[in-house]
N, C-alpha and C. Protein backbone atom coordinates (compact mmCIF):
# COMPACT_ATOMS: atom_id res chain seq x y z
N UNK A 1 -163.14 -16.88 141.86
CA UNK A 1 -162.06 -17.76 141.43
C UNK A 1 -161.38 -17.16 140.21
N UNK A 2 -160.08 -17.14 140.21
CA UNK A 2 -159.32 -16.58 139.10
C UNK A 2 -159.18 -17.63 138.01
N UNK A 3 -159.40 -17.22 136.80
CA UNK A 3 -159.25 -18.10 135.65
C UNK A 3 -157.77 -18.44 135.50
N UNK A 4 -157.40 -19.74 135.35
CA UNK A 4 -155.98 -20.09 135.29
C UNK A 4 -155.23 -19.42 134.14
N UNK A 5 -155.87 -19.27 133.00
CA UNK A 5 -155.23 -18.61 131.86
C UNK A 5 -154.91 -17.17 132.21
N UNK A 6 -155.85 -16.49 132.88
CA UNK A 6 -155.66 -15.11 133.26
C UNK A 6 -154.54 -14.99 134.29
N UNK A 7 -154.46 -15.97 135.20
CA UNK A 7 -153.44 -15.91 136.24
C UNK A 7 -152.03 -16.02 135.63
N UNK A 8 -151.87 -16.88 134.63
CA UNK A 8 -150.56 -17.07 134.01
C UNK A 8 -150.16 -15.90 133.12
N UNK A 9 -151.13 -15.31 132.46
CA UNK A 9 -150.83 -14.30 131.45
C UNK A 9 -151.53 -13.00 131.77
N UNK A 10 -150.83 -12.10 132.36
CA UNK A 10 -151.39 -10.80 132.70
C UNK A 10 -150.97 -9.76 131.67
N UNK A 11 -151.80 -8.75 131.50
CA UNK A 11 -151.47 -7.59 130.70
C UNK A 11 -151.03 -7.90 129.29
N UNK A 12 -150.01 -7.19 128.80
CA UNK A 12 -149.57 -7.32 127.42
C UNK A 12 -149.13 -8.74 127.04
N UNK A 13 -148.66 -9.55 128.02
CA UNK A 13 -148.27 -10.92 127.67
C UNK A 13 -149.47 -11.70 127.15
N UNK A 14 -150.66 -11.37 127.63
CA UNK A 14 -151.86 -12.03 127.16
C UNK A 14 -152.05 -11.78 125.67
N UNK A 15 -151.77 -10.57 125.21
CA UNK A 15 -151.91 -10.24 123.80
C UNK A 15 -151.00 -11.14 122.97
N UNK A 16 -149.75 -11.31 123.43
CA UNK A 16 -148.83 -12.17 122.70
C UNK A 16 -149.37 -13.59 122.61
N UNK A 17 -149.90 -14.12 123.68
CA UNK A 17 -150.42 -15.49 123.70
C UNK A 17 -151.61 -15.61 122.75
N UNK A 18 -152.51 -14.68 122.80
CA UNK A 18 -153.69 -14.73 121.95
C UNK A 18 -153.28 -14.63 120.48
N UNK A 19 -152.34 -13.76 120.18
CA UNK A 19 -151.87 -13.62 118.81
C UNK A 19 -151.20 -14.90 118.33
N UNK A 20 -150.43 -15.56 119.20
CA UNK A 20 -149.75 -16.79 118.82
C UNK A 20 -150.73 -17.90 118.48
N UNK A 21 -151.82 -18.01 119.21
CA UNK A 21 -152.77 -19.09 118.93
C UNK A 21 -153.75 -18.68 117.84
N UNK A 22 -153.62 -17.47 117.31
CA UNK A 22 -154.41 -17.05 116.15
C UNK A 22 -155.86 -16.75 116.43
N UNK A 23 -156.21 -16.45 117.67
CA UNK A 23 -157.61 -16.13 117.97
C UNK A 23 -157.98 -14.78 117.40
N UNK A 24 -159.02 -14.75 116.64
CA UNK A 24 -159.57 -13.49 116.16
C UNK A 24 -160.70 -13.10 117.11
N UNK A 25 -160.87 -11.82 117.35
CA UNK A 25 -161.92 -11.44 118.30
C UNK A 25 -163.32 -11.66 117.73
N UNK A 26 -164.01 -12.65 118.25
CA UNK A 26 -165.42 -12.89 117.93
C UNK A 26 -166.18 -12.36 119.15
N UNK A 27 -166.82 -11.24 118.96
CA UNK A 27 -167.43 -10.55 120.10
C UNK A 27 -168.92 -10.38 119.91
N UNK A 28 -169.63 -10.48 121.02
CA UNK A 28 -171.05 -10.15 121.02
C UNK A 28 -171.18 -8.62 121.05
N UNK A 29 -172.38 -8.13 120.84
CA UNK A 29 -172.58 -6.68 120.92
C UNK A 29 -172.30 -6.17 122.32
N UNK A 30 -172.61 -6.96 123.33
CA UNK A 30 -172.29 -6.56 124.70
C UNK A 30 -170.79 -6.47 124.90
N UNK A 31 -170.03 -7.44 124.37
CA UNK A 31 -168.57 -7.37 124.45
C UNK A 31 -168.06 -6.10 123.77
N UNK A 32 -168.62 -5.79 122.62
CA UNK A 32 -168.19 -4.60 121.88
C UNK A 32 -168.54 -3.33 122.63
N UNK A 33 -169.70 -3.31 123.26
CA UNK A 33 -170.11 -2.13 124.03
C UNK A 33 -169.18 -1.91 125.22
N UNK A 34 -168.84 -2.98 125.92
CA UNK A 34 -167.93 -2.88 127.06
C UNK A 34 -166.54 -2.45 126.59
N UNK A 35 -166.09 -3.00 125.45
CA UNK A 35 -164.80 -2.57 124.89
C UNK A 35 -164.83 -1.08 124.58
N UNK A 36 -165.92 -0.60 124.00
CA UNK A 36 -166.03 0.83 123.68
C UNK A 36 -165.99 1.67 124.95
N UNK A 37 -166.65 1.20 126.00
CA UNK A 37 -166.62 1.95 127.26
C UNK A 37 -165.20 2.00 127.82
N UNK A 38 -164.44 0.93 127.66
CA UNK A 38 -163.04 0.94 128.11
C UNK A 38 -162.20 1.87 127.24
N UNK A 39 -162.69 2.19 126.05
CA UNK A 39 -162.00 3.15 125.20
C UNK A 39 -161.97 4.53 125.82
N UNK A 40 -162.83 4.77 126.80
CA UNK A 40 -162.86 6.05 127.51
C UNK A 40 -161.82 6.10 128.62
N UNK A 41 -161.24 4.95 128.96
CA UNK A 41 -160.24 4.89 130.01
C UNK A 41 -160.46 3.70 130.92
N UNK A 42 -159.52 3.49 131.83
CA UNK A 42 -159.59 2.36 132.74
C UNK A 42 -160.89 2.41 133.54
N UNK A 43 -161.46 1.24 133.76
CA UNK A 43 -162.72 1.16 134.52
C UNK A 43 -162.86 -0.23 135.12
N UNK A 44 -163.67 -0.33 136.15
CA UNK A 44 -163.98 -1.62 136.75
C UNK A 44 -165.40 -2.00 136.38
N UNK A 45 -165.72 -3.26 136.56
CA UNK A 45 -167.02 -3.78 136.16
C UNK A 45 -168.20 -3.07 136.78
N UNK A 46 -168.08 -2.70 138.05
CA UNK A 46 -169.19 -2.04 138.73
C UNK A 46 -169.52 -0.71 138.04
N UNK A 47 -168.49 0.04 137.68
CA UNK A 47 -168.69 1.33 137.00
C UNK A 47 -169.32 1.11 135.62
N UNK A 48 -168.84 0.10 134.90
CA UNK A 48 -169.38 -0.19 133.58
C UNK A 48 -170.83 -0.66 133.66
N UNK A 49 -171.13 -1.46 134.67
CA UNK A 49 -172.51 -1.93 134.85
C UNK A 49 -173.45 -0.75 135.10
N UNK A 50 -172.98 0.24 135.85
CA UNK A 50 -173.81 1.43 136.10
C UNK A 50 -174.03 2.21 134.81
N UNK A 51 -173.05 2.26 133.94
CA UNK A 51 -173.15 2.96 132.67
C UNK A 51 -174.23 2.33 131.78
N UNK A 52 -174.29 0.99 131.78
CA UNK A 52 -175.22 0.26 130.92
C UNK A 52 -176.51 -0.17 131.63
N UNK A 53 -176.69 0.24 132.88
CA UNK A 53 -177.92 -0.09 133.60
C UNK A 53 -179.11 0.59 132.92
N UNK A 54 -180.27 0.07 133.16
CA UNK A 54 -181.49 0.61 132.52
C UNK A 54 -181.58 2.13 132.67
N UNK A 55 -181.18 2.65 133.84
CA UNK A 55 -181.22 4.09 134.07
C UNK A 55 -179.84 4.75 133.94
N UNK A 56 -178.87 4.02 133.39
CA UNK A 56 -177.52 4.55 133.19
C UNK A 56 -177.44 5.41 131.94
N UNK A 57 -176.29 6.03 131.76
CA UNK A 57 -176.10 6.95 130.63
C UNK A 57 -176.32 6.28 129.28
N UNK A 58 -175.98 5.00 129.16
CA UNK A 58 -176.15 4.30 127.88
C UNK A 58 -177.23 3.22 127.93
N UNK A 59 -177.89 3.09 129.06
CA UNK A 59 -178.91 2.06 129.21
C UNK A 59 -180.09 2.20 128.28
N UNK A 60 -180.39 3.40 127.83
CA UNK A 60 -181.50 3.56 126.89
C UNK A 60 -181.14 3.07 125.49
N UNK A 61 -179.85 2.98 125.21
CA UNK A 61 -179.40 2.48 123.92
C UNK A 61 -179.18 0.97 123.99
N UNK A 62 -178.47 0.52 125.03
CA UNK A 62 -178.15 -0.90 125.18
C UNK A 62 -178.02 -1.21 126.66
N UNK A 63 -178.94 -1.98 127.19
CA UNK A 63 -178.94 -2.34 128.60
C UNK A 63 -178.14 -3.63 128.79
N UNK A 64 -177.25 -3.62 129.77
CA UNK A 64 -176.42 -4.78 130.06
C UNK A 64 -176.50 -5.04 131.57
N UNK A 65 -176.82 -6.26 131.94
CA UNK A 65 -176.87 -6.65 133.34
C UNK A 65 -175.45 -6.80 133.88
N UNK A 66 -175.28 -6.60 135.17
CA UNK A 66 -173.95 -6.65 135.79
C UNK A 66 -173.20 -7.96 135.49
N UNK A 67 -173.82 -9.14 135.61
CA UNK A 67 -173.07 -10.37 135.29
C UNK A 67 -172.58 -10.40 133.83
N UNK A 68 -173.35 -9.82 132.93
CA UNK A 68 -172.94 -9.77 131.52
C UNK A 68 -171.71 -8.86 131.34
N UNK A 69 -171.64 -7.79 132.12
CA UNK A 69 -170.48 -6.90 132.04
C UNK A 69 -169.23 -7.66 132.45
N UNK A 70 -169.30 -8.39 133.56
CA UNK A 70 -168.13 -9.13 134.03
C UNK A 70 -167.75 -10.24 133.05
N UNK A 71 -168.73 -10.87 132.44
CA UNK A 71 -168.45 -11.89 131.43
C UNK A 71 -167.78 -11.24 130.20
N UNK A 72 -168.27 -10.07 129.81
CA UNK A 72 -167.67 -9.35 128.68
C UNK A 72 -166.22 -8.97 128.99
N UNK A 73 -165.95 -8.51 130.19
CA UNK A 73 -164.57 -8.17 130.57
C UNK A 73 -163.66 -9.40 130.46
N UNK A 74 -164.17 -10.54 130.90
CA UNK A 74 -163.39 -11.77 130.79
C UNK A 74 -163.15 -12.13 129.32
N UNK A 75 -164.19 -12.01 128.49
CA UNK A 75 -164.04 -12.28 127.05
C UNK A 75 -162.97 -11.37 126.45
N UNK A 76 -163.03 -10.09 126.78
CA UNK A 76 -162.06 -9.13 126.22
C UNK A 76 -160.64 -9.47 126.66
N UNK A 77 -160.50 -9.83 127.91
CA UNK A 77 -159.17 -10.17 128.41
C UNK A 77 -158.65 -11.45 127.75
N UNK A 78 -159.48 -12.45 127.64
CA UNK A 78 -159.06 -13.72 127.03
C UNK A 78 -158.72 -13.56 125.55
N UNK A 79 -159.27 -12.56 124.91
CA UNK A 79 -159.01 -12.32 123.49
C UNK A 79 -157.89 -11.29 123.27
N UNK A 80 -157.27 -10.86 124.36
CA UNK A 80 -156.14 -9.94 124.23
C UNK A 80 -156.54 -8.52 123.91
N UNK A 81 -157.77 -8.14 124.23
CA UNK A 81 -158.26 -6.80 123.92
C UNK A 81 -158.25 -5.88 125.14
N UNK A 82 -158.14 -6.46 126.32
CA UNK A 82 -158.11 -5.67 127.57
C UNK A 82 -157.29 -6.46 128.59
N UNK A 83 -156.82 -5.75 129.61
CA UNK A 83 -156.13 -6.41 130.71
C UNK A 83 -156.35 -5.61 131.98
N UNK A 84 -156.09 -6.25 133.11
CA UNK A 84 -156.28 -5.58 134.39
C UNK A 84 -155.06 -4.71 134.68
N UNK A 85 -155.35 -3.54 135.23
CA UNK A 85 -154.26 -2.61 135.55
C UNK A 85 -154.03 -2.50 137.04
N UNK A 86 -154.92 -3.04 137.83
CA UNK A 86 -154.77 -2.95 139.27
C UNK A 86 -156.11 -3.07 139.96
N UNK A 87 -156.12 -2.68 141.21
CA UNK A 87 -157.33 -2.77 142.02
C UNK A 87 -157.74 -1.40 142.52
N UNK A 88 -159.02 -1.26 142.74
CA UNK A 88 -159.57 -0.07 143.37
C UNK A 88 -160.36 -0.56 144.57
N UNK A 89 -160.26 0.09 145.71
CA UNK A 89 -161.02 -0.37 146.87
C UNK A 89 -162.52 -0.41 146.57
N UNK A 90 -163.17 -1.50 146.96
CA UNK A 90 -164.61 -1.62 146.77
C UNK A 90 -165.35 -0.97 147.92
N UNK A 91 -166.50 -0.44 147.64
CA UNK A 91 -167.32 0.20 148.68
C UNK A 91 -168.02 -0.90 149.47
N UNK A 92 -167.41 -1.30 150.58
CA UNK A 92 -168.01 -2.31 151.44
C UNK A 92 -167.86 -3.72 150.90
N UNK A 93 -167.04 -3.94 149.91
CA UNK A 93 -166.85 -5.26 149.34
C UNK A 93 -165.40 -5.48 148.97
N UNK A 94 -165.16 -6.51 148.20
CA UNK A 94 -163.78 -6.79 147.79
C UNK A 94 -163.25 -5.72 146.84
N UNK A 95 -161.94 -5.63 146.68
CA UNK A 95 -161.37 -4.67 145.73
C UNK A 95 -161.90 -4.94 144.32
N UNK A 96 -162.01 -3.87 143.55
CA UNK A 96 -162.52 -3.97 142.19
C UNK A 96 -161.35 -3.95 141.22
N UNK A 97 -161.34 -4.92 140.30
CA UNK A 97 -160.30 -4.97 139.27
C UNK A 97 -160.57 -3.90 138.23
N UNK A 98 -159.54 -3.14 137.91
CA UNK A 98 -159.66 -2.15 136.83
C UNK A 98 -159.11 -2.74 135.54
N UNK A 99 -159.80 -2.45 134.46
CA UNK A 99 -159.40 -2.94 133.13
C UNK A 99 -159.10 -1.76 132.23
N UNK A 100 -158.23 -2.02 131.25
CA UNK A 100 -157.92 -1.02 130.23
C UNK A 100 -157.71 -1.77 128.91
N UNK A 101 -157.91 -1.09 127.81
CA UNK A 101 -157.72 -1.71 126.51
C UNK A 101 -156.24 -1.91 126.20
N UNK A 102 -155.95 -3.00 125.51
CA UNK A 102 -154.62 -3.19 124.95
C UNK A 102 -154.56 -2.39 123.65
N UNK A 103 -153.39 -2.35 123.04
CA UNK A 103 -153.27 -1.67 121.75
C UNK A 103 -154.18 -2.34 120.71
N UNK A 104 -154.21 -3.66 120.74
CA UNK A 104 -155.08 -4.39 119.83
C UNK A 104 -156.56 -4.08 120.13
N UNK A 105 -156.89 -3.95 121.39
CA UNK A 105 -158.26 -3.59 121.77
C UNK A 105 -158.64 -2.24 121.21
N UNK A 106 -157.74 -1.29 121.27
CA UNK A 106 -157.97 0.06 120.74
C UNK A 106 -158.12 0.02 119.21
N UNK A 107 -157.26 -0.75 118.55
CA UNK A 107 -157.30 -0.86 117.09
C UNK A 107 -158.63 -1.47 116.63
N UNK A 108 -159.04 -2.55 117.30
CA UNK A 108 -160.30 -3.19 116.89
C UNK A 108 -161.50 -2.31 117.24
N UNK A 109 -161.40 -1.54 118.31
CA UNK A 109 -162.47 -0.59 118.64
C UNK A 109 -162.60 0.45 117.55
N UNK A 110 -161.49 1.04 117.15
CA UNK A 110 -161.52 2.07 116.10
C UNK A 110 -162.12 1.51 114.81
N UNK A 111 -161.74 0.29 114.46
CA UNK A 111 -162.28 -0.33 113.24
C UNK A 111 -163.78 -0.55 113.36
N UNK A 112 -164.24 -1.02 114.51
CA UNK A 112 -165.67 -1.26 114.74
C UNK A 112 -166.46 0.05 114.64
N UNK A 113 -165.93 1.10 115.24
CA UNK A 113 -166.64 2.38 115.23
C UNK A 113 -166.75 2.97 113.82
N UNK A 114 -165.88 2.58 112.91
CA UNK A 114 -165.90 3.12 111.55
C UNK A 114 -166.68 2.26 110.56
N UNK A 115 -167.12 1.09 110.99
CA UNK A 115 -167.76 0.14 110.09
C UNK A 115 -169.29 0.22 110.18
N UNK A 116 -169.96 0.42 109.05
CA UNK A 116 -171.43 0.48 109.08
C UNK A 116 -172.03 -0.88 109.42
N UNK A 117 -173.22 -0.88 109.96
CA UNK A 117 -173.92 -2.14 110.21
C UNK A 117 -174.44 -2.67 108.88
N UNK A 118 -174.49 -3.98 108.74
CA UNK A 118 -174.90 -4.56 107.46
C UNK A 118 -176.40 -4.79 107.38
N UNK A 119 -177.04 -5.02 108.51
CA UNK A 119 -178.47 -5.31 108.52
C UNK A 119 -179.25 -4.13 109.09
N UNK A 120 -180.35 -3.83 108.49
CA UNK A 120 -181.21 -2.74 108.96
C UNK A 120 -181.60 -2.95 110.42
N UNK A 121 -181.87 -4.20 110.80
CA UNK A 121 -182.31 -4.49 112.17
C UNK A 121 -181.27 -4.07 113.21
N UNK A 122 -179.99 -3.96 112.80
CA UNK A 122 -178.93 -3.59 113.73
C UNK A 122 -178.79 -2.08 113.92
N UNK A 123 -179.57 -1.31 113.19
CA UNK A 123 -179.49 0.15 113.32
C UNK A 123 -179.95 0.58 114.71
N UNK A 124 -180.99 -0.04 115.25
CA UNK A 124 -181.54 0.34 116.55
C UNK A 124 -180.57 0.08 117.71
N UNK A 125 -179.73 -0.92 117.57
CA UNK A 125 -178.83 -1.26 118.67
C UNK A 125 -177.38 -0.90 118.33
N UNK A 126 -176.77 -1.62 117.42
CA UNK A 126 -175.35 -1.45 117.16
C UNK A 126 -175.00 -0.08 116.59
N UNK A 127 -175.76 0.39 115.62
CA UNK A 127 -175.47 1.71 115.03
C UNK A 127 -175.63 2.81 116.07
N UNK A 128 -176.69 2.75 116.86
CA UNK A 128 -176.87 3.78 117.91
C UNK A 128 -175.74 3.74 118.93
N UNK A 129 -175.29 2.53 119.27
CA UNK A 129 -174.15 2.42 120.19
C UNK A 129 -172.90 3.07 119.60
N UNK A 130 -172.65 2.78 118.34
CA UNK A 130 -171.47 3.36 117.70
C UNK A 130 -171.54 4.88 117.70
N UNK A 131 -172.70 5.42 117.35
CA UNK A 131 -172.85 6.88 117.33
C UNK A 131 -172.72 7.47 118.73
N UNK A 132 -173.29 6.79 119.72
CA UNK A 132 -173.20 7.28 121.10
C UNK A 132 -171.74 7.29 121.55
N UNK A 133 -171.00 6.24 121.24
CA UNK A 133 -169.60 6.19 121.66
C UNK A 133 -168.73 7.17 120.88
N UNK A 134 -169.01 7.35 119.60
CA UNK A 134 -168.25 8.35 118.85
C UNK A 134 -168.45 9.73 119.47
N UNK A 135 -169.66 10.01 119.92
CA UNK A 135 -169.93 11.29 120.58
C UNK A 135 -169.19 11.36 121.91
N UNK A 136 -169.27 10.29 122.71
CA UNK A 136 -168.63 10.28 124.02
C UNK A 136 -167.10 10.38 123.90
N UNK A 137 -166.54 9.74 122.86
CA UNK A 137 -165.09 9.74 122.66
C UNK A 137 -164.63 10.94 121.84
N UNK A 138 -165.58 11.81 121.49
CA UNK A 138 -165.31 12.99 120.68
C UNK A 138 -164.65 12.62 119.35
N UNK A 139 -165.16 11.52 118.78
CA UNK A 139 -164.67 11.07 117.48
C UNK A 139 -165.47 11.69 116.35
N UNK A 140 -164.99 11.56 115.15
CA UNK A 140 -165.65 12.08 113.96
C UNK A 140 -166.63 11.03 113.45
N UNK A 141 -167.91 11.28 113.58
CA UNK A 141 -168.94 10.34 113.13
C UNK A 141 -169.18 10.44 111.63
N UNK A 142 -168.64 11.46 110.98
CA UNK A 142 -168.88 11.68 109.56
C UNK A 142 -168.60 10.47 108.68
N UNK A 143 -167.43 9.84 108.79
CA UNK A 143 -167.16 8.69 107.94
C UNK A 143 -168.16 7.54 108.14
N UNK A 144 -168.52 7.28 109.39
CA UNK A 144 -169.52 6.23 109.65
C UNK A 144 -170.87 6.61 109.07
N UNK A 145 -171.29 7.85 109.28
CA UNK A 145 -172.59 8.30 108.76
C UNK A 145 -172.64 8.18 107.24
N UNK A 146 -171.57 8.58 106.56
CA UNK A 146 -171.54 8.50 105.10
C UNK A 146 -171.55 7.04 104.61
N UNK A 147 -170.74 6.20 105.25
CA UNK A 147 -170.69 4.79 104.86
C UNK A 147 -172.03 4.10 105.12
N UNK A 148 -172.64 4.42 106.26
CA UNK A 148 -173.93 3.81 106.59
C UNK A 148 -175.01 4.28 105.61
N UNK A 149 -174.99 5.54 105.25
CA UNK A 149 -175.96 6.07 104.28
C UNK A 149 -175.81 5.37 102.94
N UNK A 150 -174.58 5.22 102.49
CA UNK A 150 -174.34 4.52 101.21
C UNK A 150 -174.88 3.10 101.26
N UNK A 151 -174.60 2.40 102.35
CA UNK A 151 -175.05 1.01 102.47
C UNK A 151 -176.57 0.92 102.50
N UNK A 152 -177.20 1.80 103.27
CA UNK A 152 -178.67 1.76 103.35
C UNK A 152 -179.31 2.16 102.03
N UNK A 153 -178.70 3.07 101.28
CA UNK A 153 -179.24 3.43 99.96
C UNK A 153 -179.14 2.25 98.99
N UNK A 154 -178.06 1.49 99.11
CA UNK A 154 -177.92 0.29 98.29
C UNK A 154 -179.02 -0.72 98.65
N UNK A 155 -179.26 -0.92 99.93
CA UNK A 155 -180.34 -1.80 100.37
C UNK A 155 -181.69 -1.30 99.86
N UNK A 156 -181.90 0.00 99.95
CA UNK A 156 -183.16 0.60 99.52
C UNK A 156 -183.39 0.33 98.02
N UNK A 157 -182.36 0.51 97.22
CA UNK A 157 -182.45 0.25 95.78
C UNK A 157 -182.79 -1.22 95.53
N UNK A 158 -182.12 -2.11 96.24
CA UNK A 158 -182.36 -3.55 96.10
C UNK A 158 -183.80 -3.92 96.50
N UNK A 159 -184.25 -3.39 97.62
CA UNK A 159 -185.62 -3.70 98.08
C UNK A 159 -186.67 -3.18 97.11
N UNK A 160 -186.45 -1.99 96.57
CA UNK A 160 -187.40 -1.44 95.59
C UNK A 160 -187.48 -2.32 94.35
N UNK A 161 -186.34 -2.79 93.89
CA UNK A 161 -186.31 -3.66 92.71
C UNK A 161 -187.03 -4.97 92.99
N UNK A 162 -186.84 -5.52 94.17
CA UNK A 162 -187.49 -6.79 94.52
C UNK A 162 -188.98 -6.62 94.77
N UNK A 163 -189.40 -5.44 95.22
CA UNK A 163 -190.81 -5.19 95.54
C UNK A 163 -191.69 -5.29 94.30
N UNK A 164 -191.16 -4.93 93.14
CA UNK A 164 -191.95 -4.93 91.91
C UNK A 164 -192.55 -6.30 91.60
N UNK A 165 -191.84 -7.36 91.93
CA UNK A 165 -192.33 -8.71 91.63
C UNK A 165 -192.77 -9.48 92.86
N UNK A 166 -192.74 -8.86 94.01
CA UNK A 166 -193.06 -9.56 95.26
C UNK A 166 -194.56 -9.70 95.47
N UNK A 167 -194.93 -10.76 96.15
CA UNK A 167 -196.33 -11.02 96.48
C UNK A 167 -196.43 -11.46 97.95
N UNK A 168 -197.61 -11.34 98.50
CA UNK A 168 -197.90 -11.87 99.83
C UNK A 168 -197.01 -11.31 100.93
N UNK A 169 -196.54 -12.24 101.77
CA UNK A 169 -195.73 -11.86 102.94
C UNK A 169 -194.41 -11.21 102.53
N UNK A 170 -193.85 -11.64 101.40
CA UNK A 170 -192.60 -11.04 100.93
C UNK A 170 -192.82 -9.58 100.60
N UNK A 171 -193.91 -9.27 99.94
CA UNK A 171 -194.23 -7.87 99.60
C UNK A 171 -194.44 -7.05 100.88
N UNK A 172 -195.13 -7.63 101.82
CA UNK A 172 -195.37 -6.96 103.10
C UNK A 172 -194.05 -6.66 103.82
N UNK A 173 -193.17 -7.66 103.87
CA UNK A 173 -191.88 -7.48 104.55
C UNK A 173 -191.01 -6.44 103.85
N UNK A 174 -190.99 -6.49 102.52
CA UNK A 174 -190.20 -5.50 101.78
C UNK A 174 -190.74 -4.09 101.96
N UNK A 175 -192.06 -3.96 101.98
CA UNK A 175 -192.68 -2.64 102.21
C UNK A 175 -192.28 -2.11 103.59
N UNK A 176 -192.32 -2.96 104.58
CA UNK A 176 -191.91 -2.56 105.93
C UNK A 176 -190.44 -2.13 105.96
N UNK A 177 -189.58 -2.91 105.34
CA UNK A 177 -188.15 -2.58 105.32
C UNK A 177 -187.89 -1.27 104.60
N UNK A 178 -188.62 -1.02 103.53
CA UNK A 178 -188.44 0.25 102.81
C UNK A 178 -188.84 1.44 103.69
N UNK A 179 -189.92 1.30 104.43
CA UNK A 179 -190.33 2.38 105.35
C UNK A 179 -189.30 2.58 106.45
N UNK A 180 -188.80 1.47 107.00
CA UNK A 180 -187.79 1.56 108.06
C UNK A 180 -186.50 2.17 107.51
N UNK A 181 -186.12 1.79 106.30
CA UNK A 181 -184.93 2.37 105.68
C UNK A 181 -185.09 3.86 105.45
N UNK A 182 -186.27 4.29 105.01
CA UNK A 182 -186.51 5.72 104.79
C UNK A 182 -186.33 6.48 106.11
N UNK A 183 -186.85 5.92 107.20
CA UNK A 183 -186.70 6.56 108.51
C UNK A 183 -185.23 6.59 108.93
N UNK A 184 -184.53 5.48 108.72
CA UNK A 184 -183.11 5.42 109.09
C UNK A 184 -182.29 6.41 108.28
N UNK A 185 -182.59 6.54 107.00
CA UNK A 185 -181.87 7.50 106.16
C UNK A 185 -182.14 8.95 106.59
N UNK A 186 -183.37 9.24 106.99
CA UNK A 186 -183.66 10.59 107.52
C UNK A 186 -182.87 10.84 108.80
N UNK A 187 -182.83 9.85 109.68
CA UNK A 187 -182.08 9.95 110.93
C UNK A 187 -180.60 10.23 110.64
N UNK A 188 -180.02 9.49 109.70
CA UNK A 188 -178.61 9.69 109.35
C UNK A 188 -178.38 11.09 108.73
N UNK A 189 -179.30 11.51 107.88
CA UNK A 189 -179.16 12.82 107.24
C UNK A 189 -179.21 13.94 108.27
N UNK A 190 -180.03 13.78 109.30
CA UNK A 190 -180.13 14.80 110.37
C UNK A 190 -178.83 14.91 111.16
N UNK A 191 -178.00 13.87 111.15
CA UNK A 191 -176.75 13.88 111.92
C UNK A 191 -175.54 14.25 111.07
N UNK A 192 -175.74 14.30 109.75
CA UNK A 192 -174.59 14.59 108.86
C UNK A 192 -174.31 16.07 108.79
């Protein structure tokens, strides 16, 4: 079933509508990953699902189930970040809709790829995705690596200062975070 909003507003007109109602893109990491994959060029959901499958090229970094890919494509389209460009014949099934990024989709992708993650816990997923896509898109990872290193060093300084007075579970958690930060900083240094 076609979403009525999508039926009325195709392609670039969707961007105008989204901009008029003031929607800012609030995206999940899966939405961001699918947007980044569309940064490589037009694609349909089946192709994107294969990319993020457990055994796909990016599945070891971030696994996305096929229904989640189609939901992400809908989210991107409704937020004016992507639109359908046409159909591709399906292998034994219905035609596959191809999607491509809008100009706004490209701009927000570039901004996301340049922004360091704020939480250490996001290094395993979001940061690795950003680095993988920068490599795939042949982008310069240097600015992200430097910004991420600065941010993690600031966290490291803060955790060390807090550790001096910490007790019990707080001390344990801070010790763990400091070890994880040290590993993350080594990882970033190896890529710089």
